[in-house]
Amino acid sequence: MVGLGPKISDDTPKLDANLIMKCWDAKSDNRSTVKVLYQILNKWNNKIIY
């Protein structure tokens, strides 16, 4: 269902907003698994650190 979640602030970075929207998808098949989320967040973290 579209539009039932909280509004994502306009100043949220696009990458973050896209990940949030994917996690909130009403269809569970469209949501990322914990493994995929870990990989994405770990990749982002490594880019920040290095």
N, C-alpha and C. Protein backbone atom coordinates (compact mmCIF):
# COMPACT_ATOMS: atom_id res chain seq x y z
N MET A 1 0.84 -1.19 0.00
CA MET A 1 0.00 0.00 0.00
C MET A 1 0.88 1.24 0.00
N VAL A 2 0.60 2.12 -0.86
CA VAL A 2 1.39 3.33 -1.00
C VAL A 2 0.80 4.43 -0.14
N GLY A 3 1.68 5.22 0.51
CA GLY A 3 1.23 6.39 1.23
C GLY A 3 0.82 6.17 2.68
N LEU A 4 0.96 4.95 3.20
CA LEU A 4 0.55 4.72 4.57
C LEU A 4 1.69 4.84 5.57
N GLY A 5 2.92 4.85 5.09
CA GLY A 5 4.06 4.98 5.98
C GLY A 5 4.33 6.43 6.32
N PRO A 6 5.24 6.64 7.27
CA PRO A 6 5.63 8.01 7.60
C PRO A 6 6.28 8.68 6.40
N LYS A 7 6.22 9.99 6.35
CA LYS A 7 6.84 10.74 5.26
C LYS A 7 8.34 10.79 5.49
N ILE A 8 9.07 10.53 4.43
CA ILE A 8 10.53 10.65 4.50
C ILE A 8 10.88 12.10 4.22
N SER A 9 11.68 12.66 5.09
CA SER A 9 12.06 14.06 4.97
C SER A 9 12.74 14.34 3.63
N ASP A 10 12.46 15.49 3.08
CA ASP A 10 13.02 15.88 1.78
C ASP A 10 14.55 15.98 1.80
N ASP A 11 15.14 16.19 2.99
CA ASP A 11 16.59 16.32 3.06
C ASP A 11 17.29 14.98 3.30
N THR A 12 16.54 13.89 3.26
CA THR A 12 17.12 12.55 3.39
C THR A 12 17.85 12.21 2.09
N PRO A 13 19.10 11.75 2.20
CA PRO A 13 19.83 11.38 0.99
C PRO A 13 19.05 10.33 0.18
N LYS A 14 19.15 10.44 -1.14
CA LYS A 14 18.39 9.57 -2.04
C LYS A 14 18.68 8.08 -1.79
N LEU A 15 19.95 7.73 -1.58
CA LEU A 15 20.28 6.33 -1.31
C LEU A 15 19.56 5.82 -0.07
N ASP A 16 19.54 6.64 0.98
CA ASP A 16 18.86 6.26 2.22
C ASP A 16 17.36 6.13 1.99
N ALA A 17 16.78 7.10 1.31
CA ALA A 17 15.34 7.10 1.06
C ALA A 17 14.93 5.87 0.24
N ASN A 18 15.74 5.53 -0.76
CA ASN A 18 15.43 4.35 -1.58
C ASN A 18 15.47 3.07 -0.75
N LEU A 19 16.45 2.96 0.13
CA LEU A 19 16.55 1.79 0.99
C LEU A 19 15.37 1.71 1.96
N ILE A 20 15.00 2.84 2.53
CA ILE A 20 13.86 2.89 3.44
C ILE A 20 12.59 2.46 2.72
N MET A 21 12.37 3.01 1.53
CA MET A 21 11.17 2.66 0.77
C MET A 21 11.12 1.17 0.42
N LYS A 22 12.28 0.63 0.10
CA LYS A 22 12.34 -0.80 -0.21
C LYS A 22 11.99 -1.62 1.03
N CYS A 23 12.47 -1.21 2.19
CA CYS A 23 12.17 -1.94 3.44
C CYS A 23 10.70 -1.82 3.81
N TRP A 24 10.06 -0.73 3.42
CA TRP A 24 8.66 -0.49 3.75
C TRP A 24 7.68 -1.06 2.72
N ASP A 25 8.20 -1.66 1.65
CA ASP A 25 7.33 -2.15 0.58
C ASP A 25 6.26 -3.09 1.15
N ALA A 26 5.02 -2.90 0.73
CA ALA A 26 3.91 -3.71 1.22
C ALA A 26 4.04 -5.17 0.80
N LYS A 27 4.69 -5.40 -0.33
CA LYS A 27 4.91 -6.76 -0.81
C LYS A 27 6.22 -7.29 -0.22
N SER A 28 6.12 -8.30 0.60
CA SER A 28 7.32 -8.81 1.27
C SER A 28 8.38 -9.31 0.29
N ASP A 29 7.98 -9.78 -0.87
CA ASP A 29 8.95 -10.26 -1.87
C ASP A 29 9.83 -9.13 -2.39
N ASN A 30 9.39 -7.89 -2.28
CA ASN A 30 10.16 -6.73 -2.75
C ASN A 30 11.11 -6.19 -1.69
N ARG A 31 10.95 -6.66 -0.45
CA ARG A 31 11.81 -6.17 0.63
C ARG A 31 13.15 -6.90 0.63
N SER A 32 14.19 -6.20 1.02
CA SER A 32 15.52 -6.80 1.11
C SER A 32 15.58 -7.75 2.30
N THR A 33 16.38 -8.80 2.14
CA THR A 33 16.61 -9.71 3.25
C THR A 33 17.61 -9.05 4.22
N VAL A 34 17.73 -9.61 5.39
CA VAL A 34 18.70 -9.10 6.37
C VAL A 34 20.11 -9.21 5.79
N LYS A 35 20.37 -10.28 5.07
CA LYS A 35 21.70 -10.46 4.47
C LYS A 35 22.00 -9.34 3.47
N VAL A 36 21.03 -9.01 2.63
CA VAL A 36 21.22 -7.94 1.65
C VAL A 36 21.37 -6.59 2.35
N LEU A 37 20.56 -6.34 3.37
CA LEU A 37 20.68 -5.08 4.12
C LEU A 37 22.06 -4.97 4.75
N TYR A 38 22.54 -6.06 5.33
CA TYR A 38 23.86 -6.06 5.94
C TYR A 38 24.92 -5.71 4.89
N GLN A 39 24.83 -6.33 3.73
CA GLN A 39 25.80 -6.08 2.67
C GLN A 39 25.77 -4.62 2.21
N ILE A 40 24.59 -4.07 2.05
CA ILE A 40 24.45 -2.67 1.63
C ILE A 40 25.05 -1.74 2.68
N LEU A 41 24.63 -1.93 3.93
CA LEU A 41 25.10 -1.05 5.01
C LEU A 41 26.60 -1.20 5.24
N ASN A 42 27.11 -2.41 5.13
CA ASN A 42 28.54 -2.65 5.29
C ASN A 42 29.32 -1.95 4.18
N LYS A 43 28.81 -2.01 2.96
CA LYS A 43 29.45 -1.33 1.82
C LYS A 43 29.49 0.18 2.05
N TRP A 44 28.34 0.74 2.50
CA TRP A 44 28.29 2.18 2.79
C TRP A 44 29.29 2.53 3.88
N ASN A 45 29.33 1.72 4.93
CA ASN A 45 30.22 1.97 6.05
C ASN A 45 31.69 1.95 5.60
N ASN A 46 32.04 0.99 4.77
CA ASN A 46 33.43 0.90 4.27
C ASN A 46 33.79 2.11 3.43
N LYS A 47 32.84 2.64 2.68
CA LYS A 47 33.13 3.84 1.86
C LYS A 47 33.36 5.05 2.75
N ILE A 48 32.67 5.11 3.88
CA ILE A 48 32.82 6.24 4.80
C ILE A 48 34.16 6.16 5.54
N ILE A 49 34.54 4.96 5.95
CA ILE A 49 35.75 4.77 6.74
C ILE A 49 37.01 4.93 5.89
N TYR A 50 36.97 4.41 4.67
CA TYR A 50 38.19 4.37 3.85
C TYR A 50 38.20 5.47 2.84
